Amino acid sequence: MPEFAGLETIDFPSTQALAVKLLHAGFEAEKEGRPKPDSLPPDERFAAAKADPSAFAWRLRLESGGDEECFRDYLERFVSEIDTTVITALIIGDCWNPGLANDWPDEVRDLLIERSAEFPALSALFFGEVIVMETSKISWVAQTDVSPLLATFPRLTEFAVRGADHMTFPGIRTCRLAWNVPRHEGLRRLTLQSHRLDPVVVRSVLASELPALEHLELFLGSADNDGARPADLAPLLPGTVFPALKYLGLRNGQDTDELVTALADAPITRRLAALDLSLGTLTDKGARVLLDTPIFRNLDRLDLHHHYMSEEMSERVRAQFTDAGVEVNTNHRQELDDWDDWRDPEDSGVEDGWEPDSHSPAIID
């Protein structure tokens, strides 16, 4: 993620990250016939960030191998080496998944809360910005109750979280994403990214009083039919919650056609400037509702990328919304699974009547 909260990101290197860089520098020197360096050359970009910490969004991330430090020591170095009192944007990356030396997500959360006085200007926080390449799957990113972070940092205007709805480590503990924020006065942007967003979490978010919220982005459900559904969004549809909302992202939905149908008659849709239904399962059925409902043409932006519309329907949607002055994205059309591409159920050992799930959201695990 090159930017967050409108700022360029910069990593605060862990001890192991520095060791890896030095090791690579040694390899390069060896290949070029030079002596191996004893230390790293000055990093001009990091020096510039250190001189003006408020100009960057700072990322904290630990490495998965070697003698990596624990998060407590890492955070202590960060607040002692960088003037964190002027930092407005902070990203907590892979600080609990990599290795045994690192903490659990609730421990990382609590350590950040413990040092909250060092971040008086913090207005944007991404908790769990674990790059999928690092873990292969979002479902492998353990999470926790993030509510205490909102209570600790009342000046937050943007909050994002990424991770699994729950992870169980047998005989040790269960990590579960949770949200219980009765009210937050300043929050304007809220993003929850998951392969499967627990319906309880969705209902809890919609029960929060967030009078300043303008941007709500929810990654809803996976293809195994246990993620949040349109019924869980019922409190949102009348438009009485989140009075300032202008952007609504109901992304990665396992039933995007149903979402479109629910939004077609919903008062909330009338005051949206942007609707994001990307990464989902929109088919021609849902597309016809979009085309037949005039209220959708009042949007400024409509994002439908990753969908299952036919080529003909995709072009109709693109053309009609563009003509109406709507910025529309219909990229990444998915092909329906062909039964011929699947094994015969009799040969695969599955029950009679089984069919492949042809429509899957982009992120299913």
Protein backbone atom coordinates (compact mmCIF):
# COMPACT_ATOMS: atom_id res chain seq x y z
CA MET A 1 0.00 0.00 0.00
CA PRO A 2 1.93 3.04 -1.23
CA GLU A 3 -0.44 5.56 0.37
CA PHE A 4 -2.74 5.75 3.36
CA ALA A 5 -4.89 8.65 4.51
CA GLY A 6 -3.53 10.72 1.64
CA LEU A 7 0.09 10.26 2.74
CA GLU A 8 2.96 8.29 1.27
CA THR A 9 3.81 5.26 3.40
CA ILE A 10 7.18 4.59 5.01
CA ASP A 11 8.31 1.50 6.92
CA PHE A 12 10.01 1.70 10.28
CA PRO A 13 12.44 -1.22 9.88
CA SER A 14 12.58 -3.93 12.51
CA THR A 15 15.92 -5.34 13.63
CA GLN A 16 15.42 -8.40 11.44
CA ALA A 17 14.45 -6.28 8.44
CA LEU A 18 17.71 -4.36 8.84
CA ALA A 19 19.64 -7.63 9.16
CA VAL A 20 18.06 -8.97 5.97
CA LYS A 21 18.94 -5.78 4.09
CA LEU A 22 22.54 -6.03 5.26
CA LEU A 23 22.67 -9.69 4.21
CA HIS A 24 21.40 -8.82 0.72
CA ALA A 25 23.91 -5.97 0.49
CA GLY A 26 26.61 -8.50 1.29
CA PHE A 27 25.43 -10.83 -1.48
CA GLU A 28 25.48 -7.98 -3.99
CA ALA A 29 28.96 -6.92 -2.92
CA GLU A 30 30.19 -10.49 -3.21
CA LYS A 31 28.80 -10.81 -6.75
CA GLU A 32 30.51 -7.57 -7.75
CA GLY A 33 33.83 -8.50 -6.14
CA ARG A 34 33.61 -5.88 -3.40
CA PRO A 35 34.17 -6.35 0.33
CA LYS A 36 31.01 -7.12 2.28
CA PRO A 37 29.71 -4.00 4.09
CA ASP A 38 29.60 -3.88 7.88
CA SER A 39 26.65 -1.51 7.87
CA LEU A 40 23.96 -0.23 5.56
CA PRO A 41 24.44 3.00 3.59
CA PRO A 42 22.29 5.97 4.63
CA ASP A 43 18.66 5.73 3.51
CA GLU A 44 17.82 9.19 2.20
CA ARG A 45 14.09 8.57 2.05
CA PHE A 46 13.98 7.31 5.64
CA ALA A 47 16.10 10.26 6.75
CA ALA A 48 13.62 12.63 5.13
CA ALA A 49 10.72 10.87 6.87
CA LYS A 50 12.50 11.00 10.20
CA ALA A 51 13.07 14.73 9.74
CA ASP A 52 9.38 15.32 9.01
CA PRO A 53 7.36 12.40 10.45
CA SER A 54 4.01 14.12 9.89
CA ALA A 55 4.51 13.97 6.12
CA PHE A 56 4.26 10.16 6.01
CA ALA A 57 1.98 7.31 7.05
CA TRP A 58 4.21 5.08 9.17
CA ARG A 59 4.02 1.28 8.84
CA LEU A 60 5.09 -1.09 11.60
CA ARG A 61 5.80 -4.61 10.37
CA LEU A 62 7.86 -7.51 11.71
CA GLU A 63 9.68 -10.17 9.71
CA SER A 64 8.82 -13.86 9.78
CA GLY A 65 12.27 -15.36 10.27
CA GLY A 66 15.53 -14.95 12.12
CA ASP A 67 15.86 -13.42 15.56
CA GLU A 68 13.02 -10.94 15.20
CA GLU A 69 12.19 -8.65 18.09
CA CYS A 70 8.85 -8.72 19.87
CA PHE A 71 6.33 -5.97 19.25
CA ARG A 72 6.89 -4.33 22.64
CA ASP A 73 10.58 -3.77 21.92
CA TYR A 74 9.81 -2.72 18.35
CA LEU A 75 7.24 -0.15 19.45
CA GLU A 76 9.60 1.14 22.12
CA ARG A 77 12.30 1.75 19.51
CA PHE A 78 9.79 3.46 17.26
CA VAL A 79 8.64 6.01 19.84
CA SER A 80 12.21 6.65 20.98
CA GLU A 81 13.70 7.15 17.49
CA ILE A 82 10.80 8.92 15.75
CA ASP A 83 8.82 11.96 16.90
CA THR A 84 5.51 10.13 17.04
CA THR A 85 3.71 13.10 18.59
CA VAL A 86 3.24 14.60 15.12
CA ILE A 87 2.33 11.38 13.28
CA THR A 88 -1.23 11.48 11.93
CA ALA A 89 -1.38 8.12 10.12
CA LEU A 90 -0.21 4.75 11.43
CA ILE A 91 -0.32 1.30 9.85
CA ILE A 92 0.04 -1.84 11.94
CA GLY A 93 1.14 -4.52 9.51
CA ASP A 94 2.20 -8.11 10.10
CA CYS A 95 3.08 -7.76 13.77
CA TRP A 96 1.53 -10.94 15.16
CA ASN A 97 1.41 -13.60 12.46
CA PRO A 98 5.05 -14.15 11.48
CA GLY A 99 6.80 -16.03 14.28
CA LEU A 100 6.75 -17.28 17.82
CA ALA A 101 8.61 -14.21 19.07
CA ASN A 102 5.69 -11.98 18.18
CA ASP A 103 2.52 -11.20 20.07
CA TRP A 104 -1.13 -12.06 19.60
CA PRO A 105 -3.32 -9.40 17.96
CA ASP A 106 -4.97 -8.40 21.24
CA GLU A 107 -1.54 -7.97 22.81
CA VAL A 108 -0.40 -5.75 19.94
CA ARG A 109 -3.62 -3.76 20.34
CA ASP A 110 -3.09 -3.38 24.08
CA LEU A 111 0.55 -2.34 23.69
CA LEU A 112 -0.51 0.33 21.21
CA ILE A 113 -3.14 1.53 23.68
CA GLU A 114 -0.53 1.51 26.44
CA ARG A 115 1.60 3.94 24.43
CA SER A 116 -1.31 5.99 23.09
CA ALA A 117 -0.01 9.16 24.77
CA GLU A 118 2.87 9.06 22.28
CA PHE A 119 0.40 9.54 19.40
CA PRO A 120 -1.69 12.61 20.31
CA ALA A 121 -2.16 13.67 16.66
CA LEU A 122 -3.19 10.26 15.31
CA SER A 123 -6.18 10.58 12.99
CA ALA A 124 -5.86 7.50 10.73
CA LEU A 125 -5.16 3.90 11.79
CA PHE A 126 -4.97 0.69 9.75
CA PHE A 127 -4.88 -2.29 12.11
CA GLY A 128 -3.83 -5.49 10.34
CA GLU A 129 -2.52 -4.30 6.99
CA VAL A 130 -1.05 -7.72 6.36
CA ILE A 131 -0.18 -8.12 2.69
CA VAL A 132 -1.94 -11.21 1.38
CA MET A 133 1.32 -12.39 -0.21
CA GLU A 134 2.78 -12.68 3.29
CA THR A 135 0.14 -15.11 4.51
CA SER A 136 -1.42 -16.33 1.24
CA LYS A 137 -4.93 -15.77 2.57
CA ILE A 138 -6.85 -13.14 4.56
CA SER A 139 -8.39 -16.03 6.49
CA TRP A 140 -4.94 -16.65 7.96
CA VAL A 141 -4.73 -13.14 9.45
CA ALA A 142 -5.85 -13.38 13.07
CA GLN A 143 -7.84 -10.45 14.44
CA THR A 144 -9.33 -9.23 17.70
CA ASP A 145 -11.85 -6.82 19.17
CA VAL A 146 -10.80 -3.49 17.70
CA SER A 147 -13.28 -1.44 19.72
CA PRO A 148 -10.76 -0.35 22.39
CA LEU A 149 -8.69 1.33 19.70
CA LEU A 150 -11.60 3.59 18.76
CA ALA A 151 -12.17 4.43 22.40
CA THR A 152 -8.48 5.20 22.97
CA PHE A 153 -8.03 7.40 19.91
CA PRO A 154 -11.06 9.72 19.84
CA ARG A 155 -9.43 11.93 17.18
CA LEU A 156 -9.52 9.17 14.57
CA THR A 157 -11.20 10.18 11.33
CA GLU A 158 -10.21 7.00 9.46
CA PHE A 159 -10.01 3.41 10.66
CA ALA A 160 -9.38 0.25 8.66
CA VAL A 161 -9.01 -3.36 9.74
CA ARG A 162 -8.13 -6.52 7.80
CA GLY A 163 -8.33 -10.12 8.94
CA ALA A 164 -10.31 -13.29 9.48
CA ASP A 165 -13.66 -13.22 11.22
CA HIS A 166 -12.26 -15.84 13.59
CA MET A 167 -9.31 -18.19 13.95
CA THR A 168 -9.06 -21.04 16.42
CA PHE A 169 -5.75 -22.35 17.71
CA PRO A 170 -6.77 -25.64 19.39
CA GLY A 171 -5.90 -25.75 23.04
CA ILE A 172 -4.54 -22.20 22.99
CA ARG A 173 -7.09 -19.54 22.09
CA THR A 174 -9.59 -18.25 19.55
CA CYS A 175 -9.04 -14.90 17.86
CA ARG A 176 -12.22 -13.19 16.73
CA LEU A 177 -12.83 -9.89 14.96
CA ALA A 178 -15.30 -7.84 16.96
CA TRP A 179 -16.74 -4.32 16.89
CA ASN A 180 -18.56 -2.72 19.83
CA VAL A 181 -18.37 1.04 19.42
CA PRO A 182 -21.48 2.76 20.80
CA ARG A 183 -20.52 6.17 19.40
CA HIS A 184 -17.58 7.95 17.80
CA GLU A 185 -17.89 11.61 16.97
CA GLY A 186 -15.09 12.09 14.45
CA LEU A 187 -14.87 8.91 12.37
CA ARG A 188 -15.39 9.72 8.67
CA ARG A 189 -14.00 6.61 6.96
CA LEU A 190 -14.46 3.00 8.14
CA THR A 191 -13.21 -0.08 6.28
CA LEU A 192 -13.53 -3.73 7.34
CA GLN A 193 -11.78 -6.21 5.04
CA SER A 194 -12.35 -9.93 5.51
CA HIS A 195 -12.89 -13.08 3.49
CA ARG A 196 -16.08 -13.52 5.51
CA LEU A 197 -17.49 -10.72 7.61
CA ASP A 198 -19.41 -12.09 10.55
CA PRO A 199 -23.06 -10.96 10.41
CA VAL A 200 -22.75 -10.06 14.11
CA VAL A 201 -19.96 -7.63 13.25
CA VAL A 202 -22.03 -6.08 10.43
CA ARG A 203 -25.00 -5.56 12.72
CA SER A 204 -22.73 -4.13 15.42
CA VAL A 205 -21.25 -1.61 12.98
CA LEU A 206 -24.71 -0.53 11.88
CA ALA A 207 -25.75 -0.12 15.53
CA SER A 208 -22.93 2.39 16.14
CA GLU A 209 -23.65 6.10 16.21
CA LEU A 210 -21.18 7.59 13.73
CA PRO A 211 -22.58 11.02 12.88
CA ALA A 212 -19.57 12.09 10.78
CA LEU A 213 -19.20 8.86 8.77
CA GLU A 214 -18.97 9.57 5.04
CA HIS A 215 -17.28 6.39 3.75
CA LEU A 216 -18.31 2.87 4.78
CA GLU A 217 -16.61 -0.12 3.15
CA LEU A 218 -17.50 -3.68 4.12
CA PHE A 219 -16.10 -6.88 2.60
CA LEU A 220 -19.16 -9.00 3.18
CA GLY A 221 -19.06 -12.69 2.46
CA SER A 222 -17.41 -15.78 1.14
CA ALA A 223 -18.77 -18.45 -1.16
CA ASP A 224 -19.57 -20.85 1.67
CA ASN A 225 -22.86 -19.02 2.37
CA ASP A 226 -22.19 -18.01 5.96
CA GLY A 227 -21.14 -14.40 5.49
CA ALA A 228 -23.30 -11.33 5.95
CA ARG A 229 -26.38 -11.09 3.73
CA PRO A 230 -28.73 -8.27 2.70
CA ALA A 231 -30.95 -8.98 5.69
CA ASP A 232 -28.06 -8.05 7.99
CA LEU A 233 -27.90 -4.65 6.27
CA ALA A 234 -31.55 -3.81 6.96
CA PRO A 235 -30.79 -1.03 9.50
CA LEU A 236 -28.72 0.76 6.85
CA LEU A 237 -31.29 0.83 4.06
CA PRO A 238 -33.78 3.41 5.45
CA GLY A 239 -31.01 6.01 5.55
CA THR A 240 -31.50 6.96 9.18
CA VAL A 241 -28.10 5.70 10.36
CA PHE A 242 -24.91 7.48 9.29
CA PRO A 243 -26.55 10.74 8.14
CA ALA A 244 -23.36 11.98 6.45
CA LEU A 245 -22.74 8.82 4.39
CA LYS A 246 -21.81 9.48 0.73
CA TYR A 247 -19.78 6.38 -0.20
CA LEU A 248 -21.10 2.88 0.39
CA GLY A 249 -18.92 -0.13 -0.39
CA LEU A 250 -20.63 -3.52 -0.12
CA ARG A 251 -17.73 -5.39 -1.64
CA ASN A 252 -16.88 -9.06 -2.06
CA GLY A 253 -20.54 -10.00 -1.71
CA GLN A 254 -21.60 -13.56 -2.29
CA ASP A 255 -25.06 -12.41 -3.43
CA THR A 256 -24.55 -9.07 -5.17
CA ASP A 257 -27.79 -9.42 -7.16
CA GLU A 258 -29.74 -9.43 -3.88
CA LEU A 259 -27.79 -6.43 -2.67
CA VAL A 260 -28.73 -4.49 -5.81
CA THR A 261 -32.40 -5.40 -5.38
CA ALA A 262 -32.34 -4.27 -1.75
CA LEU A 263 -30.65 -0.98 -2.64
CA ALA A 264 -33.03 -0.21 -5.53
CA ASP A 265 -35.87 0.71 -3.18
CA ALA A 266 -33.74 1.94 -0.29
CA PRO A 267 -33.80 5.59 0.81
CA ILE A 268 -30.05 5.39 1.56
CA THR A 269 -29.33 5.05 -2.17
CA ARG A 270 -30.85 8.45 -2.95
CA ARG A 271 -28.12 10.34 -1.11
CA LEU A 272 -25.09 8.30 -2.14
CA ALA A 273 -22.45 9.78 -4.42
CA ALA A 274 -20.57 6.50 -4.84
CA LEU A 275 -21.65 2.87 -4.71
CA ASP A 276 -19.01 0.14 -4.73
CA LEU A 277 -20.22 -3.41 -5.42
CA SER A 278 -16.87 -4.63 -6.70
CA LEU A 279 -15.23 -8.01 -6.08
CA GLY A 280 -18.71 -9.55 -6.00
CA THR A 281 -21.01 -11.80 -7.98
CA LEU A 282 -23.20 -9.44 -10.02
CA THR A 283 -24.95 -11.23 -12.91
CA ASP A 284 -27.25 -10.06 -15.70
CA LYS A 285 -30.15 -10.39 -13.26
CA GLY A 286 -28.76 -7.74 -10.95
CA ALA A 287 -27.57 -5.66 -13.87
CA ARG A 288 -31.13 -5.40 -15.19
CA VAL A 289 -32.19 -3.96 -11.83
CA LEU A 290 -29.40 -1.39 -12.09
CA LEU A 291 -30.55 -0.41 -15.57
CA ASP A 292 -34.25 -0.31 -14.68
CA THR A 293 -33.86 1.78 -11.52
CA PRO A 294 -33.37 5.50 -12.27
CA ILE A 295 -31.99 6.29 -8.80
CA PHE A 296 -28.73 4.50 -9.61
CA ARG A 297 -28.08 6.98 -12.43
CA ASN A 298 -27.89 9.78 -9.86
CA LEU A 299 -24.59 8.36 -8.60
CA ASP A 300 -21.27 9.99 -9.42
CA ARG A 301 -19.42 6.66 -9.35
CA LEU A 302 -20.45 3.01 -9.63
CA ASP A 303 -17.81 0.31 -9.21
CA LEU A 304 -18.76 -3.18 -10.40
CA HIS A 305 -15.36 -4.65 -11.24
CA HIS A 306 -15.13 -8.43 -10.79
CA HIS A 307 -18.60 -9.50 -11.91
CA TYR A 308 -20.41 -12.24 -13.82
CA MET A 309 -22.32 -10.16 -16.35
CA SER A 310 -22.36 -11.31 -19.96
CA GLU A 311 -20.28 -9.31 -22.40
CA GLU A 312 -23.41 -7.81 -23.91
CA MET A 313 -24.86 -6.80 -20.54
CA SER A 314 -21.54 -5.45 -19.32
CA GLU A 315 -21.37 -3.17 -22.36
CA ARG A 316 -24.99 -2.04 -21.88
CA VAL A 317 -24.30 -1.11 -18.27
CA ARG A 318 -21.10 0.70 -19.19
CA ALA A 319 -22.72 2.63 -22.03
CA GLN A 320 -25.94 3.64 -20.25
CA PHE A 321 -24.28 4.77 -17.03
CA THR A 322 -21.55 6.62 -18.91
CA ASP A 323 -24.20 8.42 -20.96
CA ALA A 324 -25.90 9.37 -17.68
CA GLY A 325 -22.68 10.96 -16.44
CA VAL A 326 -21.80 8.17 -14.01
CA GLU A 327 -18.19 7.04 -13.74
CA VAL A 328 -18.63 3.26 -13.99
CA ASN A 329 -16.13 0.40 -13.73
CA THR A 330 -17.14 -2.90 -15.34
CA ASN A 331 -13.65 -4.41 -15.63
CA HIS A 332 -12.62 -7.95 -14.68
CA ARG A 333 -15.57 -9.86 -16.07
CA GLN A 334 -15.58 -13.44 -14.78
CA GLU A 335 -16.57 -16.45 -16.84
CA LEU A 336 -19.16 -18.86 -15.47
CA ASP A 337 -17.79 -22.25 -14.53
CA ASP A 338 -18.62 -24.85 -17.11
CA TRP A 339 -19.85 -28.20 -15.80
CA ASP A 340 -17.48 -29.85 -18.29
CA ASP A 341 -14.58 -28.37 -16.35
CA TRP A 342 -15.57 -30.29 -13.24
CA ARG A 343 -15.22 -33.95 -12.42
CA ASP A 344 -18.22 -36.22 -12.63
CA PRO A 345 -19.86 -36.17 -9.16
CA GLU A 346 -20.01 -39.96 -9.25
CA ASP A 347 -16.25 -40.05 -9.61
CA SER A 348 -15.56 -37.38 -7.01
CA GLY A 349 -17.46 -38.99 -4.18
CA VAL A 350 -19.81 -36.05 -3.56
CA GLU A 351 -23.52 -36.37 -2.95
CA ASP A 352 -26.10 -36.54 -5.74
CA GLY A 353 -27.40 -33.16 -6.82
CA TRP A 354 -24.13 -31.37 -6.11
CA GLU A 355 -23.25 -28.57 -8.49
CA PRO A 356 -20.19 -26.33 -8.59
CA ASP A 357 -20.56 -22.86 -7.08
CA SER A 358 -20.31 -20.85 -10.29
CA HIS A 359 -20.46 -17.39 -8.74
CA SER A 360 -17.79 -16.66 -6.18
CA PRO A 361 -16.64 -13.32 -4.84
CA ALA A 362 -13.03 -12.40 -5.45
CA ILE A 363 -11.86 -13.22 -1.91
CA ILE A 364 -13.13 -16.50 -0.49
CA ASP A 365 -10.40 -17.34 2.02
